[in-house]
């Protein structure tokens, strides 16, 4: 709960003056960049199965920006091949959302800004021996906590607890994974009332 409070406080601190933080994060990311990679779609799953959980297959690397910029991702990597910045393009070259990444020994934090340089959300991931244990997400409309459960080092279940700021009670659901040759073959959201929503493929 202390982590949730800390991330929430940081989110509202950035939200109160996003321009200063955006400039600071961008300068740091560009300074620490040693290489760039461009893709159509999500190329890196920085958190477990990000692309699949969004309903997409893994993206494909391309050599340069195409005329159709929608869903183009530019990845900025540091000398350790860690992604420090992702630029995500919209319908035209002027629409760019940016997600900044910060690494510590047992955590990864990201800050997502929209094309107007306003903070959209912050996510803090906790890891043990390189394995994701929990994501805490704080955004404009509320908070969510994702808790990972594993079987044989594969994510089998993610418990989600989420709450909008104007709600008194939080809601929960589960994300269930099936695999084929250790790659996700099916991902389903399961809600307390028994309703199931397949999100991948």
N, C-alpha and C. Protein backbone atom coordinates (compact mmCIF):
# COMPACT_ATOMS: atom_id res chain seq x y z
N UNK A 1 0.83 -1.21 0.00
CA UNK A 1 0.00 0.00 0.00
C UNK A 1 0.86 1.26 0.00
N UNK A 2 2.05 1.19 0.66
CA UNK A 2 2.96 2.32 0.66
C UNK A 2 3.45 2.64 -0.74
N UNK A 3 3.68 1.58 -1.55
CA UNK A 3 4.08 1.79 -2.94
C UNK A 3 2.98 2.50 -3.72
N UNK A 4 1.74 2.10 -3.51
CA UNK A 4 0.61 2.75 -4.18
C UNK A 4 0.54 4.22 -3.80
N UNK A 5 0.71 4.52 -2.53
CA UNK A 5 0.70 5.91 -2.08
C UNK A 5 1.83 6.70 -2.72
N UNK A 6 3.02 6.10 -2.77
CA UNK A 6 4.19 6.77 -3.33
C UNK A 6 3.99 7.07 -4.82
N UNK A 7 3.50 6.07 -5.57
CA UNK A 7 3.28 6.26 -7.01
C UNK A 7 2.18 7.29 -7.24
N UNK A 8 1.14 7.27 -6.43
CA UNK A 8 0.05 8.24 -6.56
C UNK A 8 0.56 9.66 -6.33
N UNK A 9 1.36 9.82 -5.30
CA UNK A 9 1.92 11.15 -5.01
C UNK A 9 2.81 11.63 -6.16
N UNK A 10 3.60 10.72 -6.71
CA UNK A 10 4.48 11.09 -7.83
C UNK A 10 3.66 11.48 -9.06
N UNK A 11 2.58 10.72 -9.32
CA UNK A 11 1.74 11.04 -10.48
C UNK A 11 1.17 12.45 -10.37
N UNK A 12 0.61 12.80 -9.22
CA UNK A 12 0.00 14.12 -9.08
C UNK A 12 1.05 15.23 -9.03
N UNK A 13 2.26 14.91 -8.57
CA UNK A 13 3.34 15.88 -8.63
C UNK A 13 3.68 16.21 -10.09
N UNK A 14 3.80 15.17 -10.92
CA UNK A 14 4.10 15.39 -12.34
C UNK A 14 2.92 16.07 -13.02
N UNK A 15 1.71 15.65 -12.69
CA UNK A 15 0.52 16.23 -13.32
C UNK A 15 0.40 17.73 -13.03
N UNK A 16 0.90 18.18 -11.88
CA UNK A 16 0.80 19.59 -11.52
C UNK A 16 1.71 20.47 -12.37
N UNK A 17 2.76 19.89 -12.96
CA UNK A 17 3.68 20.66 -13.80
C UNK A 17 4.34 19.72 -14.80
N UNK A 18 3.57 19.16 -15.73
CA UNK A 18 4.10 18.10 -16.61
C UNK A 18 5.20 18.56 -17.54
N UNK A 19 5.18 19.82 -17.95
CA UNK A 19 6.17 20.30 -18.91
C UNK A 19 7.59 20.18 -18.41
N UNK A 20 7.81 20.51 -17.15
CA UNK A 20 9.15 20.43 -16.57
C UNK A 20 9.64 18.99 -16.53
N UNK A 21 8.77 18.08 -16.08
CA UNK A 21 9.16 16.67 -15.98
C UNK A 21 9.37 16.07 -17.37
N UNK A 22 8.50 16.41 -18.32
CA UNK A 22 8.63 15.87 -19.67
C UNK A 22 9.97 16.26 -20.27
N UNK A 23 10.33 17.52 -20.16
CA UNK A 23 11.60 18.00 -20.71
C UNK A 23 12.78 17.29 -20.05
N UNK A 24 12.70 17.15 -18.73
CA UNK A 24 13.77 16.48 -17.98
C UNK A 24 13.91 15.03 -18.41
N UNK A 25 12.79 14.31 -18.51
CA UNK A 25 12.82 12.90 -18.90
C UNK A 25 13.33 12.74 -20.33
N UNK A 26 12.88 13.62 -21.23
CA UNK A 26 13.29 13.52 -22.64
C UNK A 26 14.78 13.77 -22.80
N UNK A 27 15.29 14.79 -22.13
CA UNK A 27 16.73 15.08 -22.22
C UNK A 27 17.56 13.92 -21.69
N UNK A 28 17.13 13.32 -20.58
CA UNK A 28 17.86 12.20 -19.99
C UNK A 28 17.83 10.99 -20.91
N UNK A 29 16.66 10.69 -21.49
CA UNK A 29 16.53 9.53 -22.38
C UNK A 29 17.42 9.68 -23.61
N UNK A 30 17.37 10.86 -24.23
CA UNK A 30 18.16 11.08 -25.44
C UNK A 30 19.66 11.02 -25.12
N UNK A 31 20.03 11.52 -23.94
CA UNK A 31 21.43 11.51 -23.53
C UNK A 31 21.94 10.08 -23.33
N UNK A 32 21.08 9.21 -22.82
CA UNK A 32 21.49 7.83 -22.50
C UNK A 32 21.26 6.85 -23.65
N UNK A 33 20.78 7.32 -24.78
CA UNK A 33 20.48 6.44 -25.90
C UNK A 33 21.76 6.05 -26.65
N UNK A 34 21.90 4.75 -26.90
CA UNK A 34 23.05 4.29 -27.69
C UNK A 34 22.60 3.72 -29.04
N UNK A 35 21.31 3.36 -29.16
CA UNK A 35 20.78 2.87 -30.45
C UNK A 35 19.27 3.05 -30.49
N UNK A 36 18.73 3.06 -31.72
CA UNK A 36 17.29 3.17 -31.92
C UNK A 36 16.81 2.01 -32.80
N UNK A 37 15.59 1.55 -32.54
CA UNK A 37 14.96 0.54 -33.39
C UNK A 37 13.54 0.99 -33.68
N UNK A 38 13.09 0.77 -34.91
CA UNK A 38 11.77 1.21 -35.35
C UNK A 38 10.93 -0.01 -35.69
N UNK A 39 9.67 0.00 -35.29
CA UNK A 39 8.81 -1.14 -35.59
C UNK A 39 7.39 -0.69 -35.90
N UNK A 40 6.69 -1.55 -36.60
CA UNK A 40 5.25 -1.40 -36.79
C UNK A 40 4.59 -2.28 -35.73
N UNK A 41 4.00 -1.66 -34.73
CA UNK A 41 3.45 -2.42 -33.61
C UNK A 41 4.45 -2.51 -32.47
N UNK A 42 4.09 -3.28 -31.45
CA UNK A 42 4.91 -3.42 -30.25
C UNK A 42 6.03 -4.43 -30.49
N UNK A 43 7.27 -3.96 -30.45
CA UNK A 43 8.41 -4.84 -30.71
C UNK A 43 8.92 -5.49 -29.43
N UNK A 44 8.93 -4.75 -28.33
CA UNK A 44 9.44 -5.25 -27.06
C UNK A 44 8.30 -5.43 -26.05
N UNK A 45 8.26 -6.57 -25.42
CA UNK A 45 7.40 -6.77 -24.26
C UNK A 45 8.22 -6.46 -23.01
N UNK A 46 8.23 -5.22 -22.59
CA UNK A 46 9.03 -4.86 -21.42
C UNK A 46 8.42 -5.48 -20.17
N UNK A 47 7.11 -5.44 -20.08
CA UNK A 47 6.39 -6.19 -19.05
C UNK A 47 5.80 -7.43 -19.71
N UNK A 48 5.54 -8.47 -18.95
CA UNK A 48 5.14 -9.75 -19.55
C UNK A 48 3.96 -9.65 -20.52
N UNK A 49 4.25 -9.99 -21.78
CA UNK A 49 3.22 -10.13 -22.81
C UNK A 49 2.38 -8.86 -23.00
N UNK A 50 3.03 -7.72 -22.99
CA UNK A 50 2.32 -6.46 -23.18
C UNK A 50 1.54 -6.43 -24.48
N UNK A 51 2.17 -6.86 -25.55
CA UNK A 51 1.50 -6.83 -26.85
C UNK A 51 0.29 -7.74 -26.85
N UNK A 52 0.46 -8.95 -26.36
CA UNK A 52 -0.62 -9.93 -26.35
C UNK A 52 -1.78 -9.46 -25.47
N UNK A 53 -1.45 -8.88 -24.31
CA UNK A 53 -2.49 -8.41 -23.39
C UNK A 53 -3.27 -7.24 -23.97
N UNK A 54 -2.68 -6.54 -24.93
CA UNK A 54 -3.40 -5.48 -25.63
C UNK A 54 -4.15 -6.02 -26.84
N UNK A 55 -4.06 -7.34 -27.07
CA UNK A 55 -4.77 -7.96 -28.18
C UNK A 55 -4.01 -8.01 -29.48
N UNK A 56 -2.69 -7.79 -29.43
CA UNK A 56 -1.88 -7.73 -30.64
C UNK A 56 -0.83 -8.84 -30.68
N UNK A 57 -0.44 -9.22 -31.89
CA UNK A 57 0.73 -10.04 -32.07
C UNK A 57 1.96 -9.15 -31.99
N UNK A 58 3.12 -9.77 -31.84
CA UNK A 58 4.36 -9.01 -31.75
C UNK A 58 4.56 -8.21 -33.03
N UNK A 59 5.04 -6.94 -32.88
CA UNK A 59 5.28 -6.10 -34.03
C UNK A 59 6.51 -6.54 -34.82
N UNK A 60 6.72 -5.90 -35.97
CA UNK A 60 7.85 -6.23 -36.83
C UNK A 60 8.76 -5.01 -36.99
N UNK A 61 10.05 -5.26 -36.94
CA UNK A 61 11.02 -4.18 -37.09
C UNK A 61 11.04 -3.69 -38.54
N UNK A 62 11.15 -2.37 -38.72
CA UNK A 62 11.26 -1.76 -40.04
C UNK A 62 12.47 -0.84 -40.04
N UNK A 63 12.89 -0.42 -41.23
CA UNK A 63 14.12 0.35 -41.33
C UNK A 63 13.92 1.84 -41.09
N UNK A 64 12.73 2.36 -41.42
CA UNK A 64 12.50 3.79 -41.28
C UNK A 64 11.01 4.07 -41.14
N UNK A 65 10.68 5.30 -40.80
CA UNK A 65 9.27 5.70 -40.71
C UNK A 65 8.60 5.55 -42.06
N UNK A 66 7.41 4.96 -42.06
CA UNK A 66 6.65 4.85 -43.30
C UNK A 66 5.69 6.03 -43.41
N UNK A 67 5.07 6.17 -44.57
CA UNK A 67 4.11 7.27 -44.77
C UNK A 67 2.92 7.12 -43.84
N UNK A 68 2.51 5.88 -43.61
CA UNK A 68 1.45 5.61 -42.65
C UNK A 68 2.09 5.42 -41.28
N UNK A 69 2.05 6.46 -40.47
CA UNK A 69 2.76 6.42 -39.20
C UNK A 69 1.98 5.76 -38.07
N UNK A 70 0.70 5.47 -38.29
CA UNK A 70 -0.12 4.92 -37.20
C UNK A 70 0.49 3.64 -36.66
N UNK A 71 0.66 3.60 -35.34
CA UNK A 71 1.18 2.44 -34.61
C UNK A 71 2.66 2.18 -34.88
N UNK A 72 3.37 3.18 -35.38
CA UNK A 72 4.82 3.09 -35.48
C UNK A 72 5.42 3.33 -34.10
N UNK A 73 6.36 2.50 -33.71
CA UNK A 73 7.06 2.65 -32.42
C UNK A 73 8.54 2.88 -32.70
N UNK A 74 9.12 3.88 -32.05
CA UNK A 74 10.57 4.06 -32.09
C UNK A 74 11.10 3.80 -30.68
N UNK A 75 11.99 2.83 -30.58
CA UNK A 75 12.56 2.43 -29.28
C UNK A 75 13.96 3.01 -29.14
N UNK A 76 14.19 3.68 -28.04
CA UNK A 76 15.51 4.23 -27.71
C UNK A 76 16.11 3.33 -26.62
N UNK A 77 17.29 2.76 -26.89
CA UNK A 77 17.91 1.81 -25.98
C UNK A 77 19.24 2.36 -25.45
N UNK A 78 19.52 2.06 -24.19
CA UNK A 78 20.79 2.49 -23.61
C UNK A 78 21.88 1.46 -23.89
N UNK A 79 23.06 1.65 -23.31
CA UNK A 79 24.19 0.77 -23.60
C UNK A 79 24.00 -0.64 -23.04
N UNK A 80 23.01 -0.80 -22.14
CA UNK A 80 22.68 -2.14 -21.63
C UNK A 80 21.51 -2.78 -22.39
N UNK A 81 21.10 -2.17 -23.48
CA UNK A 81 19.95 -2.61 -24.29
C UNK A 81 18.63 -2.52 -23.54
N UNK A 82 18.58 -1.66 -22.52
CA UNK A 82 17.31 -1.37 -21.86
C UNK A 82 16.58 -0.26 -22.61
N UNK A 83 15.29 -0.42 -22.79
CA UNK A 83 14.50 0.61 -23.44
C UNK A 83 14.31 1.77 -22.46
N UNK A 84 14.75 2.97 -22.85
CA UNK A 84 14.61 4.14 -21.98
C UNK A 84 13.50 5.07 -22.46
N UNK A 85 13.09 4.91 -23.71
CA UNK A 85 12.03 5.75 -24.27
C UNK A 85 11.38 5.03 -25.44
N UNK A 86 10.05 5.11 -25.49
CA UNK A 86 9.31 4.65 -26.67
C UNK A 86 8.51 5.82 -27.21
N UNK A 87 8.67 6.11 -28.48
CA UNK A 87 7.82 7.09 -29.16
C UNK A 87 6.79 6.32 -29.96
N UNK A 88 5.51 6.60 -29.70
CA UNK A 88 4.41 5.88 -30.32
C UNK A 88 3.62 6.85 -31.20
N UNK A 89 3.62 6.60 -32.50
CA UNK A 89 3.03 7.53 -33.44
C UNK A 89 1.55 7.25 -33.66
N UNK A 90 0.82 8.35 -33.93
CA UNK A 90 -0.60 8.25 -34.26
C UNK A 90 -0.80 8.36 -35.76
N UNK A 91 -1.87 9.05 -36.16
CA UNK A 91 -2.24 9.13 -37.57
C UNK A 91 -1.25 9.94 -38.41
N UNK A 92 -0.47 10.82 -37.77
CA UNK A 92 0.49 11.62 -38.51
C UNK A 92 1.75 11.81 -37.67
N UNK A 93 2.79 12.35 -38.28
CA UNK A 93 4.08 12.48 -37.60
C UNK A 93 4.03 13.45 -36.43
N UNK A 94 3.02 14.31 -36.38
CA UNK A 94 2.92 15.30 -35.30
C UNK A 94 2.28 14.72 -34.04
N UNK A 95 1.64 13.56 -34.18
CA UNK A 95 0.99 12.94 -33.01
C UNK A 95 1.92 11.85 -32.48
N UNK A 96 2.58 12.16 -31.36
CA UNK A 96 3.54 11.22 -30.77
C UNK A 96 3.31 11.14 -29.27
N UNK A 97 2.95 9.95 -28.81
CA UNK A 97 2.91 9.69 -27.37
C UNK A 97 4.27 9.13 -26.97
N UNK A 98 4.69 9.42 -25.74
CA UNK A 98 6.01 8.98 -25.31
C UNK A 98 5.94 8.30 -23.95
N UNK A 99 6.65 7.17 -23.84
CA UNK A 99 6.73 6.45 -22.56
C UNK A 99 8.19 6.33 -22.16
N UNK A 100 8.49 6.84 -20.98
CA UNK A 100 9.86 6.84 -20.45
C UNK A 100 10.01 5.71 -19.43
N UNK A 101 11.18 5.06 -19.43
CA UNK A 101 11.44 3.94 -18.52
C UNK A 101 12.66 4.22 -17.65
N UNK A 102 12.53 3.81 -16.37
CA UNK A 102 13.58 4.01 -15.38
C UNK A 102 13.80 2.69 -14.64
N UNK A 103 15.07 2.30 -14.52
CA UNK A 103 15.41 0.97 -14.01
C UNK A 103 16.17 1.05 -12.69
N UNK A 104 15.75 0.20 -11.75
CA UNK A 104 16.50 -0.03 -10.52
C UNK A 104 16.70 -1.54 -10.38
N UNK A 105 17.39 -1.95 -9.32
CA UNK A 105 17.73 -3.36 -9.18
C UNK A 105 16.50 -4.27 -9.19
N UNK A 106 15.47 -3.91 -8.48
CA UNK A 106 14.28 -4.76 -8.37
C UNK A 106 13.00 -4.06 -8.79
N UNK A 107 13.13 -3.08 -9.68
CA UNK A 107 11.92 -2.39 -10.14
C UNK A 107 12.13 -1.74 -11.49
N UNK A 108 11.03 -1.54 -12.19
CA UNK A 108 11.00 -0.77 -13.43
C UNK A 108 9.84 0.21 -13.31
N UNK A 109 10.12 1.48 -13.55
CA UNK A 109 9.06 2.48 -13.50
C UNK A 109 8.93 3.12 -14.88
N UNK A 110 7.70 3.40 -15.29
CA UNK A 110 7.49 4.08 -16.56
C UNK A 110 6.53 5.24 -16.38
N UNK A 111 6.69 6.26 -17.21
CA UNK A 111 5.80 7.42 -17.21
C UNK A 111 5.36 7.67 -18.65
N UNK A 112 4.05 7.68 -18.86
CA UNK A 112 3.47 7.79 -20.20
C UNK A 112 2.88 9.18 -20.38
N UNK A 113 3.35 9.90 -21.42
CA UNK A 113 2.85 11.23 -21.75
C UNK A 113 2.15 11.19 -23.10
N UNK A 114 1.04 11.92 -23.23
CA UNK A 114 0.35 11.96 -24.52
C UNK A 114 1.02 12.99 -25.43
N UNK A 115 0.47 13.18 -26.63
CA UNK A 115 1.11 14.04 -27.61
C UNK A 115 1.07 15.52 -27.22
N UNK A 116 0.27 15.85 -26.20
CA UNK A 116 0.24 17.22 -25.69
C UNK A 116 1.20 17.39 -24.51
N UNK A 117 2.02 16.36 -24.26
CA UNK A 117 3.00 16.35 -23.18
C UNK A 117 2.35 16.40 -21.80
N UNK A 118 1.16 15.84 -21.70
CA UNK A 118 0.48 15.69 -20.41
C UNK A 118 0.66 14.26 -19.93
N UNK A 119 0.86 14.08 -18.63
CA UNK A 119 1.06 12.75 -18.08
C UNK A 119 -0.24 11.97 -18.15
N UNK A 120 -0.16 10.74 -18.66
CA UNK A 120 -1.35 9.88 -18.72
C UNK A 120 -1.35 8.88 -17.57
N UNK A 121 -0.20 8.25 -17.32
CA UNK A 121 -0.12 7.33 -16.19
C UNK A 121 1.34 7.05 -15.83
N UNK A 122 1.51 6.51 -14.62
CA UNK A 122 2.80 6.01 -14.14
C UNK A 122 2.58 4.56 -13.73
N UNK A 123 3.53 3.70 -14.06
CA UNK A 123 3.46 2.30 -13.65
C UNK A 123 4.77 1.90 -12.97
N UNK A 124 4.64 1.33 -11.78
CA UNK A 124 5.79 0.81 -11.05
C UNK A 124 5.69 -0.70 -11.00
N UNK A 125 6.70 -1.39 -11.55
CA UNK A 125 6.75 -2.85 -11.54
C UNK A 125 7.77 -3.32 -10.53
N UNK A 126 7.37 -4.27 -9.69
CA UNK A 126 8.28 -4.87 -8.72
C UNK A 126 8.72 -6.24 -9.22
N UNK A 127 10.03 -6.52 -9.11
CA UNK A 127 10.58 -7.77 -9.60
C UNK A 127 11.36 -8.47 -8.50
N UNK A 128 11.39 -9.80 -8.56
CA UNK A 128 12.24 -10.61 -7.70
C UNK A 128 13.00 -11.57 -8.61
N UNK A 129 14.34 -11.48 -8.57
CA UNK A 129 15.19 -12.31 -9.45
C UNK A 129 14.78 -12.19 -10.91
N UNK A 130 14.44 -10.97 -11.32
CA UNK A 130 14.09 -10.71 -12.71
C UNK A 130 12.67 -11.08 -13.09
N UNK A 131 11.91 -11.61 -12.15
CA UNK A 131 10.53 -12.05 -12.43
C UNK A 131 9.55 -10.98 -11.94
N UNK A 132 8.61 -10.60 -12.80
CA UNK A 132 7.62 -9.59 -12.43
C UNK A 132 6.67 -10.14 -11.39
N UNK A 133 6.50 -9.39 -10.30
CA UNK A 133 5.63 -9.80 -9.21
C UNK A 133 4.37 -8.95 -9.16
N UNK A 134 4.53 -7.63 -9.39
CA UNK A 134 3.37 -6.74 -9.29
C UNK A 134 3.60 -5.47 -10.10
N UNK A 135 2.53 -4.97 -10.73
CA UNK A 135 2.53 -3.66 -11.37
C UNK A 135 1.53 -2.78 -10.63
N UNK A 136 1.95 -1.57 -10.29
CA UNK A 136 1.05 -0.57 -9.72
C UNK A 136 0.92 0.55 -10.74
N UNK A 137 -0.29 0.80 -11.19
CA UNK A 137 -0.54 1.81 -12.21
C UNK A 137 -1.42 2.91 -11.63
N UNK A 138 -0.98 4.16 -11.79
CA UNK A 138 -1.76 5.32 -11.36
C UNK A 138 -1.92 6.25 -12.55
N UNK A 139 -3.17 6.60 -12.88
CA UNK A 139 -3.43 7.43 -14.04
C UNK A 139 -4.41 8.55 -13.75
N UNK A 140 -4.89 9.15 -14.82
CA UNK A 140 -5.78 10.30 -14.68
C UNK A 140 -7.09 9.96 -14.00
N UNK A 141 -7.57 8.74 -14.23
CA UNK A 141 -8.91 8.41 -13.77
C UNK A 141 -8.95 7.47 -12.56
N UNK A 142 -7.82 6.83 -12.25
CA UNK A 142 -7.84 5.91 -11.13
C UNK A 142 -6.56 5.11 -11.02
N UNK A 143 -6.63 4.04 -10.24
CA UNK A 143 -5.46 3.21 -9.96
C UNK A 143 -5.79 1.75 -10.26
N UNK A 144 -4.74 0.97 -10.52
CA UNK A 144 -4.91 -0.47 -10.71
C UNK A 144 -3.65 -1.19 -10.25
N UNK A 145 -3.84 -2.39 -9.71
CA UNK A 145 -2.73 -3.22 -9.25
C UNK A 145 -2.83 -4.58 -9.91
N UNK A 146 -1.74 -5.02 -10.54
CA UNK A 146 -1.68 -6.30 -11.23
C UNK A 146 -0.72 -7.20 -10.46
N UNK A 147 -1.20 -8.34 -10.00
CA UNK A 147 -0.38 -9.28 -9.25
C UNK A 147 -0.21 -10.56 -10.05
N UNK A 148 1.04 -10.95 -10.30
CA UNK A 148 1.35 -12.07 -11.19
C UNK A 148 1.43 -13.39 -10.42
N UNK A 149 0.90 -14.46 -11.02
CA UNK A 149 1.07 -15.81 -10.51
C UNK A 149 1.67 -16.67 -11.62
N UNK A 150 2.62 -17.54 -11.24
CA UNK A 150 3.37 -18.32 -12.22
C UNK A 150 3.19 -19.82 -12.01
N UNK A 151 3.32 -20.55 -13.11
CA UNK A 151 3.47 -22.00 -13.09
C UNK A 151 4.64 -22.33 -14.01
N UNK A 152 5.66 -22.97 -13.46
CA UNK A 152 6.85 -23.33 -14.25
C UNK A 152 7.43 -22.12 -14.98
N UNK A 153 7.54 -20.99 -14.27
CA UNK A 153 8.14 -19.76 -14.78
C UNK A 153 7.34 -19.09 -15.89
N UNK A 154 6.13 -19.56 -16.15
CA UNK A 154 5.24 -18.90 -17.11
C UNK A 154 4.12 -18.21 -16.35
N UNK A 155 3.77 -16.99 -16.77
CA UNK A 155 2.65 -16.29 -16.15
C UNK A 155 1.37 -17.08 -16.44
N UNK A 156 0.72 -17.54 -15.39
CA UNK A 156 -0.52 -18.29 -15.57
C UNK A 156 -1.74 -17.44 -15.29
N UNK A 157 -1.58 -16.49 -14.36
CA UNK A 157 -2.72 -15.70 -13.92
C UNK A 157 -2.25 -14.34 -13.44
N UNK A 158 -3.00 -13.31 -13.78
CA UNK A 158 -2.76 -11.98 -13.23
C UNK A 158 -4.04 -11.54 -12.53
N UNK A 159 -3.93 -11.23 -11.25
CA UNK A 159 -5.06 -10.71 -10.48
C UNK A 159 -5.06 -9.19 -10.61
N UNK A 160 -6.20 -8.63 -11.01
CA UNK A 160 -6.30 -7.19 -11.23
C UNK A 160 -7.28 -6.59 -10.23
N UNK A 161 -6.82 -5.55 -9.56
CA UNK A 161 -7.66 -4.80 -8.63
C UNK A 161 -7.61 -3.35 -9.08
N UNK A 162 -8.76 -2.78 -9.44
CA UNK A 162 -8.76 -1.42 -9.97
C UNK A 162 -9.84 -0.56 -9.33
N UNK A 163 -9.57 0.74 -9.30
CA UNK A 163 -10.50 1.66 -8.64
C UNK A 163 -10.40 3.03 -9.29
N UNK A 164 -11.54 3.59 -9.68
CA UNK A 164 -11.58 4.96 -10.17
C UNK A 164 -11.65 5.89 -8.96
N UNK A 165 -11.14 7.11 -9.15
CA UNK A 165 -11.06 8.03 -8.02
C UNK A 165 -12.42 8.36 -7.42
N UNK A 166 -13.48 8.36 -8.24
CA UNK A 166 -14.80 8.72 -7.74
C UNK A 166 -15.59 7.51 -7.23
N UNK A 167 -14.95 6.34 -7.19
CA UNK A 167 -15.61 5.14 -6.70
C UNK A 167 -15.22 4.87 -5.25
N UNK A 168 -16.18 4.35 -4.48
CA UNK A 168 -15.91 3.98 -3.10
C UNK A 168 -15.25 2.61 -2.99
N UNK A 169 -15.64 1.70 -3.91
CA UNK A 169 -15.13 0.34 -3.87
C UNK A 169 -14.32 0.02 -5.11
N UNK A 170 -13.36 -0.86 -4.95
CA UNK A 170 -12.58 -1.32 -6.09
C UNK A 170 -13.25 -2.51 -6.75
N UNK A 171 -12.88 -2.79 -7.99
CA UNK A 171 -13.38 -3.96 -8.71
C UNK A 171 -12.22 -4.87 -9.05
N UNK A 172 -12.52 -6.13 -9.28
CA UNK A 172 -11.47 -7.11 -9.55
C UNK A 172 -11.82 -7.96 -10.75
N UNK A 173 -10.79 -8.49 -11.40
CA UNK A 173 -10.96 -9.54 -12.41
C UNK A 173 -9.63 -10.26 -12.56
N UNK A 174 -9.63 -11.35 -13.32
CA UNK A 174 -8.43 -12.14 -13.53
C UNK A 174 -8.09 -12.20 -15.02
N UNK A 175 -6.79 -12.23 -15.30
CA UNK A 175 -6.32 -12.45 -16.67
C UNK A 175 -5.68 -13.84 -16.69
N UNK A 176 -6.26 -14.73 -17.49
CA UNK A 176 -5.82 -16.13 -17.53
C UNK A 176 -5.10 -16.42 -18.84
N UNK A 177 -3.96 -17.13 -18.74
CA UNK A 177 -3.11 -17.41 -19.91
C UNK A 177 -3.10 -18.90 -20.23
N UNK A 178 -3.21 -19.22 -21.54
CA UNK A 178 -2.93 -20.56 -22.05
C UNK A 178 -1.74 -20.45 -23.00
N UNK A 179 -0.97 -21.54 -23.10
CA UNK A 179 0.27 -21.50 -23.88
C UNK A 179 0.36 -22.65 -24.88
N UNK A 180 1.16 -22.38 -25.92
CA UNK A 180 1.57 -23.42 -26.86
C UNK A 180 3.05 -23.20 -27.11
N UNK A 181 3.88 -24.20 -26.74
CA UNK A 181 5.33 -24.07 -26.87
C UNK A 181 5.84 -22.81 -26.17
N UNK A 182 5.32 -22.56 -24.98
CA UNK A 182 5.72 -21.45 -24.12
C UNK A 182 5.42 -20.08 -24.71
N UNK A 183 4.56 -20.02 -25.71
CA UNK A 183 4.08 -18.75 -26.24
C UNK A 183 2.58 -18.66 -25.99
N UNK A 184 2.07 -17.48 -25.62
CA UNK A 184 0.63 -17.36 -25.34
C UNK A 184 -0.22 -17.76 -26.55
N UNK A 185 -1.14 -18.67 -26.33
CA UNK A 185 -2.06 -19.08 -27.39
C UNK A 185 -3.45 -18.50 -27.17
N UNK A 186 -3.73 -18.13 -25.91
CA UNK A 186 -5.05 -17.58 -25.58
C UNK A 186 -4.94 -16.82 -24.25
N UNK A 187 -5.52 -15.62 -24.24
CA UNK A 187 -5.57 -14.82 -23.03
C UNK A 187 -7.01 -14.37 -22.82
N UNK A 188 -7.52 -14.59 -21.62
CA UNK A 188 -8.93 -14.32 -21.33
C UNK A 188 -9.05 -13.52 -20.04
N UNK A 189 -9.89 -12.48 -20.08
CA UNK A 189 -10.29 -11.78 -18.86
C UNK A 189 -11.49 -12.50 -18.26
N UNK A 190 -11.42 -12.81 -16.97
CA UNK A 190 -12.51 -13.49 -16.28
C UNK A 190 -13.00 -12.60 -15.15
N UNK A 191 -14.30 -12.28 -15.15
CA UNK A 191 -14.87 -11.36 -14.19
C UNK A 191 -15.64 -12.11 -13.11
N UNK A 192 -15.83 -11.49 -11.94
CA UNK A 192 -16.48 -12.19 -10.81
C UNK A 192 -17.86 -12.75 -11.12
N UNK A 193 -18.58 -12.14 -12.06
CA UNK A 193 -19.92 -12.64 -12.39
C UNK A 193 -19.89 -13.81 -13.37
N UNK A 194 -18.68 -14.27 -13.72
CA UNK A 194 -18.54 -15.40 -14.62
C UNK A 194 -18.35 -15.04 -16.08
N UNK A 195 -18.51 -13.76 -16.41
CA UNK A 195 -18.34 -13.32 -17.81
C UNK A 195 -16.88 -13.45 -18.22
N UNK A 196 -16.63 -13.94 -19.43
CA UNK A 196 -15.29 -14.08 -19.96
C UNK A 196 -15.13 -13.26 -21.23
N UNK A 197 -13.98 -12.60 -21.34
CA UNK A 197 -13.67 -11.79 -22.51
C UNK A 197 -12.32 -12.21 -23.06
N UNK A 198 -12.32 -12.78 -24.26
CA UNK A 198 -11.06 -13.20 -24.86
C UNK A 198 -10.37 -11.99 -25.47
N UNK A 199 -9.13 -11.74 -25.05
CA UNK A 199 -8.41 -10.57 -25.54
C UNK A 199 -7.27 -10.95 -26.49
N UNK A 200 -6.90 -12.23 -26.52
CA UNK A 200 -5.91 -12.72 -27.47
C UNK A 200 -6.15 -14.19 -27.74
N UNK A 201 -6.10 -14.67 -28.99
CA UNK A 201 -5.84 -13.86 -30.19
C UNK A 201 -7.11 -13.11 -30.61
